[in-house]
Amino acid sequence: MTEQNFIPKAYSNTIESGKVTWESPSNIALIKYWGKKKDQIPENPSISFTLNNCKTITSLTFSKKENTTNFEFEVYLDGEKKDDFKPKIETFFNRVEVYLPFLRNYKFKIETKNTFPHSSGIASSASGMSALALCLMSLKRQLNPDMPDAYFNQKASFLARLGSGSACRSIEGDLIVWGRTGVIEESTDLFGVKYPYKVHENFKEYQDTILLVDKGEKQVSSTVGHNLMHNHPYAKNRFQQAHDNFKALKPILESGNLEAFIQLIESEALTLHAMMMTSMPYFILMKPNTLEIINKIWKFRQETGLHISFTLDAGANVHVLYPKNEASVILEFIKNELVAYCQNGHYICDQIGMGAKQLTM
């Protein structure tokens, strides 16, 4: 499949106005995507858990207009008009117009809200852009009702990627692969695909407690961070490491080897931050409390033998991962020992989810 498969032919229906609403989750990468080529193509494959509770809910109201010269839209976050969001959405519209040629024919009102703090290190761009892509695809489906569900999901993921790379992993659940890898025959750089192989019961309903160490704006945007991989002295080895980790992960997921899983995902998290610390310019995205939490996790795991682990996105917050059958003891440890290192004691309990869901039509 190529980009050409997503360029539509003539629409069979016309529609004057309407409203659609989707909720779409964030996701947390286990093997990290860091570094991209032109058109949001990843330098290396990634795989993520789709989350359940951390999500964006977006409503798209649309009405036909006569003047088709410009895009016309308004954006609201939590009921407040957000003109500072408009440049990113306009960039997105420009990127996807060839695949959604109706965009200039409608006036849009985009109303969105998150179940988690914006710009807090939880991937709000992933859930936000995937929710918007799904709303636009619902409008497209009204114009072309014969669209198969599989194509709908593929194109929604494809479009979401052009808004935010990791957003393509938020359409479905529970394990999503994005980026071409020889380990997974169906994998592609164009959109996310469901992990197709056997997954051990140990990884079903896996838990993710997100410790909000720093709820402020990120020190460096993901876009800037990805661009720093160009001419990075360790980039080539990092991309190869991701491919090697995919080969290692497949038997881990099949066998349920939690010790090997922990070693791999924690190494991936620390490698992501090592890339930022060794770029030019360089950044340290972890905070002192991030390191305190990591050391507490390591100590608790050594003392108890429980399968608690961590991963990180490009920020200070910590995703604490653990199997469901150990949740009660580990959650008690999190509340008693780790929440003290969170900003204002804030944390979010989540688990693997099944992907996005349409709320209204």
Protein backbone atom coordinates (compact mmCIF):
# COMPACT_ATOMS: atom_id res chain seq x y z
CA MET A 1 0.00 0.00 0.00
CA THR A 2 1.17 3.55 -0.82
CA GLU A 3 -0.05 7.09 -0.17
CA GLN A 4 -1.96 6.88 -3.47
CA ASN A 5 -4.38 4.40 -1.91
CA PHE A 6 -5.67 7.17 0.36
CA ILE A 7 -6.43 9.73 -2.36
CA PRO A 8 -10.21 9.56 -2.86
CA LYS A 9 -12.25 9.42 -6.01
CA ALA A 10 -15.56 11.27 -6.41
CA TYR A 11 -17.89 11.15 -3.42
CA SER A 12 -21.23 9.40 -3.79
CA ASN A 13 -23.13 11.59 -1.28
CA THR A 14 -23.50 15.25 -0.39
CA ILE A 15 -24.05 16.57 3.12
CA GLU A 16 -24.81 20.13 4.24
CA SER A 17 -24.04 20.03 7.97
CA GLY A 18 -23.64 17.78 10.95
CA LYS A 19 -21.67 16.90 14.05
CA VAL A 20 -19.52 13.92 15.01
CA THR A 21 -17.73 13.09 18.27
CA TRP A 22 -14.91 10.66 18.94
CA GLU A 23 -12.83 9.79 21.96
CA SER A 24 -9.31 8.61 21.29
CA PRO A 25 -6.72 7.44 23.80
CA SER A 26 -3.11 8.32 24.31
CA ASN A 27 -0.51 5.59 24.07
CA ILE A 28 2.82 4.78 25.67
CA ALA A 29 5.61 3.43 23.49
CA LEU A 30 7.57 0.41 24.69
CA ILE A 31 10.05 0.60 21.81
CA LYS A 32 10.43 4.31 21.15
CA TYR A 33 10.10 6.24 17.90
CA TRP A 34 12.70 9.01 17.97
CA GLY A 35 13.80 10.64 14.74
CA LYS A 36 11.80 11.09 11.56
CA LYS A 37 12.21 11.57 7.84
CA LYS A 38 10.12 13.70 5.51
CA ASP A 39 6.31 13.49 5.81
CA GLN A 40 6.34 12.11 9.34
CA ILE A 41 8.01 8.84 8.32
CA PRO A 42 9.78 7.25 11.32
CA GLU A 43 13.46 6.47 11.31
CA ASN A 44 12.77 3.30 13.30
CA PRO A 45 9.76 1.11 14.14
CA SER A 46 7.93 1.49 17.44
CA ILE A 47 5.34 -0.43 19.45
CA SER A 48 3.00 0.94 22.09
CA PHE A 49 0.37 0.05 24.64
CA THR A 50 -2.87 1.89 23.88
CA LEU A 51 -4.15 3.44 27.11
CA ASN A 52 -7.71 3.38 28.38
CA ASN A 53 -8.37 6.38 30.64
CA CYS A 54 -6.01 9.05 29.25
CA LYS A 55 -7.94 10.22 26.23
CA THR A 56 -9.11 13.20 24.19
CA ILE A 57 -12.78 13.75 23.39
CA THR A 58 -13.30 15.83 20.26
CA SER A 59 -16.48 17.05 18.60
CA LEU A 60 -16.42 18.32 15.02
CA THR A 61 -19.34 20.48 13.91
CA PHE A 62 -19.38 21.21 10.18
CA SER A 63 -21.49 23.23 7.74
CA LYS A 64 -21.17 23.74 4.00
CA LYS A 65 -19.87 27.15 2.86
CA GLU A 66 -19.75 28.95 -0.46
CA ASN A 67 -16.27 30.43 -0.29
CA THR A 68 -13.78 27.60 -0.74
CA THR A 69 -10.63 29.74 -0.93
CA ASN A 70 -9.40 29.14 2.63
CA PHE A 71 -9.73 26.69 5.48
CA GLU A 72 -12.23 28.00 8.01
CA PHE A 73 -12.32 26.63 11.53
CA GLU A 74 -12.42 27.54 15.21
CA VAL A 75 -10.83 25.54 18.02
CA TYR A 76 -12.00 25.24 21.63
CA LEU A 77 -10.29 23.48 24.53
CA ASP A 78 -12.47 22.87 27.59
CA GLY A 79 -14.98 25.39 26.23
CA GLU A 80 -12.42 28.19 25.76
CA LYS A 81 -11.43 29.44 22.32
CA LYS A 82 -7.81 28.51 21.54
CA ASP A 83 -6.44 30.49 18.62
CA ASP A 84 -2.91 29.38 19.49
CA PHE A 85 -3.91 25.84 18.42
CA LYS A 86 -4.87 27.05 14.94
CA PRO A 87 -1.41 27.11 13.29
CA LYS A 88 -0.83 23.40 14.07
CA ILE A 89 -4.26 22.43 12.75
CA GLU A 90 -3.81 24.57 9.63
CA THR A 91 -0.49 22.80 9.01
CA PHE A 92 -2.32 19.49 9.45
CA PHE A 93 -5.09 20.52 7.03
CA ASN A 94 -2.50 21.50 4.43
CA ARG A 95 -0.79 18.13 4.78
CA VAL A 96 -3.97 16.06 4.49
CA GLU A 97 -5.99 18.11 1.99
CA VAL A 98 -4.99 15.88 -0.92
CA TYR A 99 -6.53 12.96 1.01
CA LEU A 100 -9.55 14.96 2.27
CA PRO A 101 -10.34 17.38 -0.57
CA PHE A 102 -13.59 18.52 1.09
CA LEU A 103 -11.76 20.48 3.80
CA ARG A 104 -12.18 23.90 2.13
CA ASN A 105 -15.87 23.20 1.46
CA TYR A 106 -16.88 23.29 5.12
CA LYS A 107 -16.67 25.57 8.11
CA PHE A 108 -15.58 23.60 11.18
CA LYS A 109 -15.95 24.04 14.92
CA ILE A 110 -13.50 21.80 16.78
CA GLU A 111 -14.31 21.31 20.47
CA THR A 112 -11.88 19.20 22.44
CA LYS A 113 -11.09 18.22 26.00
CA ASN A 114 -8.60 15.89 27.66
CA THR A 115 -9.02 13.62 30.66
CA PHE A 116 -5.44 14.50 31.64
CA PRO A 117 -3.34 17.71 31.84
CA HIS A 118 -2.37 19.20 28.47
CA SER A 119 1.42 19.30 27.78
CA SER A 120 2.10 17.19 30.87
CA GLY A 121 4.28 14.55 29.24
CA ILE A 122 1.28 12.37 28.46
CA ALA A 123 0.95 12.24 24.70
CA SER A 124 -1.87 14.76 24.23
CA SER A 125 -0.86 15.32 20.61
CA ALA A 126 -1.34 11.58 19.96
CA SER A 127 -4.85 11.44 21.39
CA GLY A 128 -5.79 14.89 20.08
CA MET A 129 -4.71 14.44 16.48
CA SER A 130 -6.10 10.90 16.29
CA ALA A 131 -9.47 12.11 17.61
CA LEU A 132 -9.56 14.89 15.01
CA ALA A 133 -8.55 12.48 12.23
CA LEU A 134 -11.36 10.13 13.25
CA CYS A 135 -13.91 12.96 13.21
CA LEU A 136 -12.81 13.95 9.71
CA MET A 137 -12.99 10.34 8.59
CA SER A 138 -16.56 10.12 9.92
CA LEU A 139 -17.48 13.08 7.72
CA LYS A 140 -15.72 11.37 4.81
CA ARG A 141 -17.70 8.21 5.50
CA GLN A 142 -20.94 10.18 5.25
CA LEU A 143 -19.77 11.36 1.83
CA ASN A 144 -18.77 7.80 0.92
CA PRO A 145 -20.89 5.35 2.98
CA ASP A 146 -19.50 2.18 1.38
CA MET A 147 -16.11 2.55 3.06
CA PRO A 148 -14.95 -0.73 4.74
CA ASP A 149 -14.05 -0.56 8.43
CA ALA A 150 -10.49 -1.76 7.86
CA TYR A 151 -9.85 1.01 5.34
CA PHE A 152 -11.48 3.56 7.69
CA ASN A 153 -9.02 2.65 10.48
CA GLN A 154 -6.01 2.56 8.19
CA LYS A 155 -6.75 5.95 6.70
CA ALA A 156 -7.58 7.48 10.10
CA SER A 157 -4.20 6.25 11.36
CA PHE A 158 -2.49 7.49 8.18
CA LEU A 159 -4.04 10.97 8.59
CA ALA A 160 -3.33 11.11 12.33
CA ARG A 161 0.34 10.39 11.59
CA LEU A 162 0.51 13.54 9.47
CA GLY A 163 -0.63 15.55 12.48
CA SER A 164 1.55 13.84 15.08
CA GLY A 165 3.62 10.75 14.39
CA SER A 166 2.65 8.79 17.51
CA ALA A 167 -1.04 9.62 16.92
CA CYS A 168 -1.20 6.81 14.35
CA ARG A 169 -0.82 4.34 17.25
CA SER A 170 -3.97 5.62 19.03
CA ILE A 171 -6.70 4.46 16.63
CA GLU A 172 -6.84 0.83 17.75
CA GLY A 173 -5.57 -1.30 20.65
CA ASP A 174 -4.11 -2.91 22.51
CA LEU A 175 -0.58 -3.31 21.11
CA ILE A 176 0.10 -1.20 18.02
CA VAL A 177 3.14 -1.27 15.73
CA TRP A 178 4.19 1.64 13.56
CA GLY A 179 7.14 1.56 11.20
CA ARG A 180 8.49 -1.03 8.84
CA THR A 181 10.23 -3.95 10.50
CA GLY A 182 11.11 -7.35 9.13
CA VAL A 183 9.83 -8.90 12.36
CA ILE A 184 6.22 -8.05 11.48
CA GLU A 185 5.17 -8.73 7.91
CA GLU A 186 2.18 -6.35 7.93
CA SER A 187 4.12 -3.40 9.38
CA THR A 188 4.37 -0.14 7.45
CA ASP A 189 5.69 3.39 7.83
CA LEU A 190 2.33 4.79 6.69
CA PHE A 191 0.03 3.84 9.58
CA GLY A 192 -0.19 1.82 12.77
CA VAL A 193 -1.17 -1.86 12.69
CA LYS A 194 -2.34 -4.20 15.42
CA TYR A 195 0.38 -6.50 16.74
CA PRO A 196 -0.55 -9.74 14.95
CA TYR A 197 1.20 -12.44 16.97
CA LYS A 198 0.57 -14.33 20.19
CA VAL A 199 0.68 -12.29 23.39
CA HIS A 200 0.98 -14.09 26.74
CA GLU A 201 -1.66 -13.64 29.44
CA ASN A 202 0.94 -11.81 31.55
CA PHE A 203 0.56 -8.79 29.28
CA LYS A 204 -3.24 -8.72 29.14
CA GLU A 205 -4.79 -5.79 31.05
CA TYR A 206 -1.31 -4.49 31.87
CA GLN A 207 -1.43 -1.57 34.30
CA ASP A 208 0.08 1.91 33.84
CA THR A 209 0.13 4.41 36.70
CA ILE A 210 1.36 7.77 35.42
CA LEU A 211 3.21 9.85 37.98
CA LEU A 212 2.94 13.54 37.12
CA VAL A 213 6.31 14.81 38.26
CA ASP A 214 5.99 17.99 36.21
CA LYS A 215 2.66 19.18 34.80
CA GLY A 216 4.09 22.25 33.05
CA GLU A 217 4.93 22.80 29.40
CA LYS A 218 7.61 20.49 28.08
CA GLN A 219 11.14 21.90 28.01
CA VAL A 220 11.50 20.98 24.34
CA SER A 221 8.80 20.00 21.86
CA SER A 222 8.78 16.52 20.38
CA THR A 223 9.22 18.02 16.90
CA VAL A 224 12.43 19.77 17.97
CA GLY A 225 13.61 16.61 19.72
CA HIS A 226 13.04 14.45 16.64
CA ASN A 227 14.90 16.93 14.45
CA LEU A 228 17.92 16.74 16.75
CA MET A 229 18.44 13.16 15.56
CA HIS A 230 19.63 14.52 12.21
CA ASN A 231 23.44 14.31 12.30
CA HIS A 232 23.28 12.95 15.86
CA PRO A 233 26.55 11.05 16.54
CA TYR A 234 24.68 8.01 17.91
CA ALA A 235 21.57 8.07 15.70
CA LYS A 236 22.53 5.19 13.41
CA ASN A 237 23.24 2.87 16.34
CA ARG A 238 20.01 3.94 18.05
CA PHE A 239 17.90 3.09 14.99
CA GLN A 240 19.58 -0.32 14.75
CA GLN A 241 18.98 -0.87 18.47
CA ALA A 242 15.24 -0.36 17.94
CA HIS A 243 15.20 -2.98 15.17
CA ASP A 244 17.17 -5.39 17.36
CA ASN A 245 14.78 -4.81 20.26
CA PHE A 246 11.83 -5.70 18.03
CA LYS A 247 13.45 -9.08 17.34
CA ALA A 248 13.95 -9.56 21.07
CA LEU A 249 10.44 -8.43 22.02
CA LYS A 250 8.50 -10.95 19.93
CA PRO A 251 9.55 -14.05 21.95
CA ILE A 252 9.18 -12.04 25.18
CA LEU A 253 5.55 -11.22 24.41
CA GLU A 254 4.86 -14.82 23.43
CA SER A 255 6.52 -16.44 26.44
CA GLY A 256 5.40 -13.92 29.06
CA ASN A 257 8.98 -13.37 30.28
CA LEU A 258 8.43 -10.37 32.53
CA GLU A 259 12.06 -10.02 33.59
CA ALA A 260 13.21 -9.70 29.97
CA PHE A 261 10.30 -7.35 29.21
CA ILE A 262 11.31 -5.05 32.06
CA GLN A 263 14.94 -4.99 30.98
CA LEU A 264 14.01 -4.11 27.39
CA ILE A 265 11.47 -1.36 28.09
CA GLU A 266 13.56 0.36 30.77
CA SER A 267 16.58 0.33 28.46
CA GLU A 268 14.42 1.87 25.71
CA ALA A 269 13.24 4.63 28.05
CA LEU A 270 16.75 5.52 29.20
CA THR A 271 18.08 5.39 25.62
CA LEU A 272 15.45 7.96 24.57
CA HIS A 273 16.70 10.35 27.22
CA ALA A 274 20.33 9.56 26.43
CA MET A 275 19.68 10.69 22.85
CA MET A 276 18.41 14.03 24.14
CA MET A 277 21.34 14.44 26.52
CA THR A 278 23.86 13.79 23.74
CA SER A 279 22.26 15.93 21.01
CA MET A 280 23.35 19.44 20.06
CA PRO A 281 21.82 21.42 21.66
CA TYR A 282 21.39 19.00 24.56
CA PHE A 283 18.56 18.68 27.06
CA ILE A 284 17.97 16.92 30.35
CA LEU A 285 14.25 16.25 30.45
CA MET A 286 14.20 14.25 33.67
CA LYS A 287 13.76 16.10 36.96
CA PRO A 288 15.38 15.15 40.29
CA ASN A 289 12.11 13.52 41.35
CA THR A 290 12.10 11.42 38.17
CA LEU A 291 15.38 9.86 39.27
CA GLU A 292 14.12 9.45 42.84
CA ILE A 293 11.13 7.48 41.53
CA ILE A 294 13.27 5.29 39.27
CA ASN A 295 15.62 4.40 42.13
CA LYS A 296 12.68 3.66 44.43
CA ILE A 297 11.20 1.33 41.77
CA TRP A 298 14.51 -0.50 41.36
CA LYS A 299 14.90 -0.93 45.13
CA PHE A 300 11.30 -2.14 45.61
CA ARG A 301 11.63 -4.61 42.74
CA GLN A 302 14.84 -6.04 44.16
CA GLU A 303 13.36 -6.39 47.64
CA THR A 304 10.00 -7.90 46.64
CA GLY A 305 10.60 -9.73 43.38
CA LEU A 306 7.46 -8.05 41.97
CA HIS A 307 7.41 -7.09 38.31
CA ILE A 308 7.19 -3.32 38.62
CA SER A 309 8.95 -1.31 35.93
CA PHE A 310 8.98 2.14 34.35
CA THR A 311 9.04 3.82 31.02
CA LEU A 312 9.32 7.48 30.04
CA ASP A 313 8.21 9.72 27.24
CA ALA A 314 10.14 12.84 26.27
CA GLY A 315 9.52 14.51 29.62
CA ALA A 316 9.84 14.18 33.38
CA ASN A 317 6.78 12.06 34.14
CA VAL A 318 7.08 8.36 34.90
CA HIS A 319 4.84 5.58 33.58
CA VAL A 320 4.90 2.80 36.17
CA LEU A 321 4.05 -0.49 34.43
CA TYR A 322 3.06 -3.75 36.12
CA PRO A 323 0.90 -6.86 35.55
CA LYS A 324 -2.67 -6.84 36.81
CA ASN A 325 -2.20 -9.80 39.16
CA GLU A 326 0.36 -7.79 41.15
CA ALA A 327 -1.59 -4.54 41.06
CA SER A 328 -2.88 -4.36 44.64
CA VAL A 329 0.55 -4.54 46.32
CA ILE A 330 2.28 -2.35 43.73
CA LEU A 331 -0.44 0.32 43.80
CA GLU A 332 -0.11 0.47 47.59
CA PHE A 333 3.64 1.02 47.17
CA ILE A 334 2.99 3.75 44.59
CA LYS A 335 0.59 5.57 46.91
CA ASN A 336 2.83 5.23 49.97
CA GLU A 337 6.25 5.81 48.42
CA LEU A 338 6.08 7.39 44.96
CA VAL A 339 3.17 9.85 44.94
CA ALA A 340 5.16 12.12 47.27
CA TYR A 341 7.45 12.88 44.32
CA CYS A 342 4.57 14.00 42.08
CA GLN A 343 3.65 17.64 41.56
CA ASN A 344 0.80 18.32 44.00
CA GLY A 345 0.55 14.56 44.55
CA HIS A 346 -1.07 14.04 41.15
CA TYR A 347 -1.07 10.67 39.41
CA ILE A 348 -3.34 8.79 36.99
CA CYS A 349 -4.19 5.08 37.11
CA ASP A 350 -4.59 3.56 33.67
CA GLN A 351 -4.32 0.26 31.83
CA ILE A 352 -4.17 -1.12 28.32
CA GLY A 353 -7.27 -0.18 26.33
CA MET A 354 -8.90 -1.20 23.10
CA GLY A 355 -8.63 2.01 21.10
CA ALA A 356 -10.82 4.89 19.97
CA LYS A 357 -14.61 4.96 20.11
CA GLN A 358 -17.23 7.04 18.33
CA LEU A 359 -19.64 8.73 20.73
CA THR A 360 -22.16 10.52 18.49
CA MET A 361 -22.95 10.88 14.81
